[in-house]
Amino acid sequence: MSEGLEDILAEQLAVIFCGINPGVMAAAQGHHFAGRGNRFWRTLHLAGFTPIELCPENDRTILQYQCGLTAVVERPTARADQLSQHEFIAVAGDFERKITRYAPRCVAFLGKAAYSALSGQREVAWGLQAKTFGNAVVWVLPNPSGRNRAFSLEQLVHAYRQLRLMAVQ
């Protein structure tokens, strides 16, 4: 990625987690989900994806657990609502080609906004989706951002665990 937050991807992973876009702190530090209060790494561990809670500085080790990381839009912002619909539409083709190229079993969109824009669906439910994206099974999970207080840690863990039970064999 051109903003200093590189994708952490390999071919044929169980899951690629797709953030909406990098937070300002994550982009500045060069590590995914580095913002204070971001619950991604804790949620991933508690849901059973990793045997220990990884820290943002060790984000590349996620590949050892058959998981990868990317963001739909490269431009960092303080809040995801600072992105325009046009930005999602502009990256849609390239983003789908990236997912097709890496061929994960599942692609997990963290939050509804990006998947809604990429799929053209106005209403998106949480969880497993009926359509594939880039030949991967699609899940839409609550965003673990510290700004997203609509979901408790327990609710996040439950949602992510459902994905793990299906994706990681």
Protein backbone atom coordinates (compact mmCIF):
# COMPACT_ATOMS: atom_id res chain seq x y z
CA MET A 1 0.00 0.00 0.00
CA SER A 2 1.26 3.41 -0.83
CA GLU A 3 0.40 5.04 2.53
CA GLY A 4 2.89 3.00 4.54
CA LEU A 5 0.51 0.26 5.65
CA GLU A 6 1.38 -2.81 3.63
CA ASP A 7 -0.91 -5.73 2.99
CA ILE A 8 -0.02 -8.87 4.92
CA LEU A 9 -1.09 -11.55 2.47
CA ALA A 10 -0.15 -14.95 1.16
CA GLU A 11 -1.88 -17.25 -1.26
CA GLN A 12 -4.64 -19.63 -0.16
CA LEU A 13 -5.13 -18.38 3.39
CA ALA A 14 -8.17 -19.42 5.40
CA VAL A 15 -9.25 -15.79 5.91
CA ILE A 16 -8.27 -12.35 4.71
CA PHE A 17 -9.54 -9.72 7.13
CA CYS A 18 -10.39 -6.51 5.26
CA GLY A 19 -10.46 -3.32 7.23
CA ILE A 20 -12.33 -0.38 5.75
CA ASN A 21 -9.16 1.74 5.60
CA PRO A 22 -6.14 2.36 7.82
CA GLY A 23 -6.59 4.48 10.88
CA VAL A 24 -4.23 7.42 11.26
CA MET A 25 -2.32 5.73 14.11
CA ALA A 26 -1.99 2.42 12.21
CA ALA A 27 -0.67 4.21 9.12
CA ALA A 28 1.78 6.28 11.17
CA GLN A 29 3.13 3.18 12.92
CA GLY A 30 3.01 0.99 9.82
CA HIS A 31 1.06 -1.75 11.61
CA HIS A 32 -2.52 -2.94 11.21
CA PHE A 33 -5.06 -2.19 13.97
CA ALA A 34 -2.55 -0.16 16.00
CA GLY A 35 -4.98 2.47 17.25
CA ARG A 36 -5.50 2.80 20.98
CA GLY A 37 -8.62 0.97 21.93
CA ASN A 38 -8.78 -1.14 18.78
CA ARG A 39 -10.04 -4.56 19.82
CA PHE A 40 -9.00 -6.55 16.72
CA TRP A 41 -6.04 -8.45 18.18
CA ARG A 42 -7.84 -9.28 21.42
CA THR A 43 -10.96 -10.40 19.53
CA LEU A 44 -8.92 -12.57 17.18
CA HIS A 45 -7.25 -14.33 20.09
CA LEU A 46 -10.42 -14.80 22.13
CA ALA A 47 -12.25 -16.14 19.05
CA GLY A 48 -9.53 -18.79 18.69
CA PHE A 49 -7.69 -17.61 15.58
CA THR A 50 -4.41 -17.21 17.48
CA PRO A 51 -3.10 -19.05 20.58
CA ILE A 52 -1.82 -15.78 22.06
CA GLU A 53 -2.90 -12.18 21.70
CA LEU A 54 -0.71 -10.67 18.99
CA CYS A 55 0.30 -7.03 19.17
CA PRO A 56 0.24 -4.66 16.20
CA GLU A 57 4.06 -4.64 16.03
CA ASN A 58 3.91 -8.38 15.28
CA ASP A 59 1.10 -8.13 12.77
CA ARG A 60 3.04 -10.11 10.13
CA THR A 61 2.92 -13.22 12.33
CA ILE A 62 -0.79 -13.50 11.57
CA LEU A 63 0.22 -15.39 8.42
CA GLN A 64 1.31 -18.30 10.65
CA TYR A 65 -2.34 -18.72 11.58
CA GLN A 66 -3.66 -18.86 7.99
CA CYS A 67 -4.95 -15.28 8.17
CA GLY A 68 -4.06 -12.15 6.22
CA LEU A 69 -4.75 -8.43 6.49
CA THR A 70 -5.63 -5.72 4.00
CA ALA A 71 -7.75 -2.59 3.75
CA VAL A 72 -10.31 -1.84 1.08
CA VAL A 73 -9.32 1.84 0.73
CA GLU A 74 -5.67 2.76 1.22
CA ARG A 75 -6.15 6.35 2.41
CA PRO A 76 -5.83 6.68 6.20
CA THR A 77 -8.47 8.66 8.06
CA ALA A 78 -9.30 9.30 11.69
CA ARG A 79 -12.80 7.88 11.12
CA ALA A 80 -14.15 5.54 8.45
CA ASP A 81 -17.08 7.90 7.77
CA GLN A 82 -14.55 10.35 6.30
CA LEU A 83 -14.41 8.16 3.18
CA SER A 84 -16.71 8.84 0.25
CA GLN A 85 -18.76 6.31 -1.68
CA HIS A 86 -16.68 7.32 -4.71
CA GLU A 87 -13.49 6.07 -2.99
CA PHE A 88 -14.99 2.60 -2.55
CA ILE A 89 -16.24 2.49 -6.13
CA ALA A 90 -12.85 3.64 -7.45
CA VAL A 91 -11.02 0.70 -5.82
CA ALA A 92 -13.67 -1.99 -6.33
CA GLY A 93 -12.17 -3.69 -9.40
CA ASP A 94 -8.59 -3.70 -8.14
CA PHE A 95 -9.69 -4.91 -4.73
CA GLU A 96 -11.68 -7.82 -6.16
CA ARG A 97 -8.70 -8.77 -8.36
CA LYS A 98 -6.48 -8.78 -5.24
CA ILE A 99 -8.83 -11.18 -3.46
CA THR A 100 -9.06 -13.39 -6.56
CA ARG A 101 -5.26 -13.43 -6.90
CA TYR A 102 -4.62 -14.49 -3.28
CA ALA A 103 -7.54 -16.98 -3.30
CA PRO A 104 -8.45 -17.12 0.39
CA ARG A 105 -11.17 -19.51 1.53
CA CYS A 106 -12.99 -16.56 3.14
CA VAL A 107 -12.85 -12.79 2.98
CA ALA A 108 -14.07 -10.99 6.11
CA PHE A 109 -15.15 -7.38 5.77
CA LEU A 110 -14.88 -5.57 9.08
CA GLY A 111 -17.95 -3.41 9.08
CA LYS A 112 -20.81 -3.13 6.59
CA ALA A 113 -19.77 0.05 4.75
CA ALA A 114 -17.08 -1.35 2.46
CA TYR A 115 -18.94 -4.54 1.52
CA SER A 116 -22.14 -2.60 0.91
CA ALA A 117 -20.33 -0.25 -1.46
CA LEU A 118 -18.40 -3.02 -3.24
CA SER A 119 -21.40 -5.32 -3.65
CA GLY A 120 -23.92 -2.63 -4.49
CA GLN A 121 -26.20 -3.93 -1.75
CA ARG A 122 -27.92 -1.25 0.27
CA GLU A 123 -28.90 -3.63 3.09
CA VAL A 124 -26.21 -6.01 4.37
CA ALA A 125 -26.71 -8.49 7.19
CA TRP A 126 -24.01 -9.50 9.66
CA GLY A 127 -22.30 -12.83 9.15
CA LEU A 128 -22.09 -15.18 6.19
CA GLN A 129 -23.22 -13.66 2.88
CA ALA A 130 -25.02 -15.43 0.03
CA LYS A 131 -22.66 -14.17 -2.69
CA THR A 132 -18.94 -14.72 -3.08
CA PHE A 133 -16.40 -11.95 -3.70
CA GLY A 134 -13.32 -12.70 -5.78
CA ASN A 135 -14.30 -16.40 -5.55
CA ALA A 136 -14.08 -16.30 -1.73
CA VAL A 137 -16.84 -16.91 0.79
CA VAL A 138 -17.85 -13.55 2.29
CA TRP A 139 -18.38 -12.71 5.93
CA VAL A 140 -19.33 -9.30 7.28
CA LEU A 141 -18.17 -8.84 10.85
CA PRO A 142 -18.52 -5.93 13.26
CA ASN A 143 -15.63 -3.50 13.05
CA PRO A 144 -13.37 -3.87 16.13
CA SER A 145 -12.48 -0.19 16.18
CA GLY A 146 -12.51 1.41 19.59
CA ARG A 147 -14.94 3.93 18.10
CA ASN A 148 -17.48 1.16 17.45
CA ARG A 149 -19.09 0.74 20.85
CA ALA A 150 -22.31 -0.74 19.41
CA PHE A 151 -20.70 -4.15 19.97
CA SER A 152 -19.24 -5.41 23.24
CA LEU A 153 -16.05 -7.45 23.23
CA GLU A 154 -18.18 -10.53 23.94
CA GLN A 155 -20.35 -9.84 20.87
CA LEU A 156 -17.28 -9.30 18.69
CA VAL A 157 -15.73 -12.57 19.88
CA HIS A 158 -18.96 -14.47 19.20
CA ALA A 159 -19.21 -13.09 15.64
CA TYR A 160 -15.55 -13.77 14.82
CA ARG A 161 -15.73 -17.25 16.34
CA GLN A 162 -18.54 -18.15 13.92
CA LEU A 163 -16.20 -17.32 11.03
CA ARG A 164 -13.33 -19.29 12.58
CA LEU A 165 -15.47 -22.39 13.01
CA MET A 166 -16.25 -22.36 9.30
CA ALA A 167 -12.99 -21.09 7.81
CA VAL A 168 -10.16 -22.58 9.82
CA GLN A 169 -10.00 -26.36 9.64
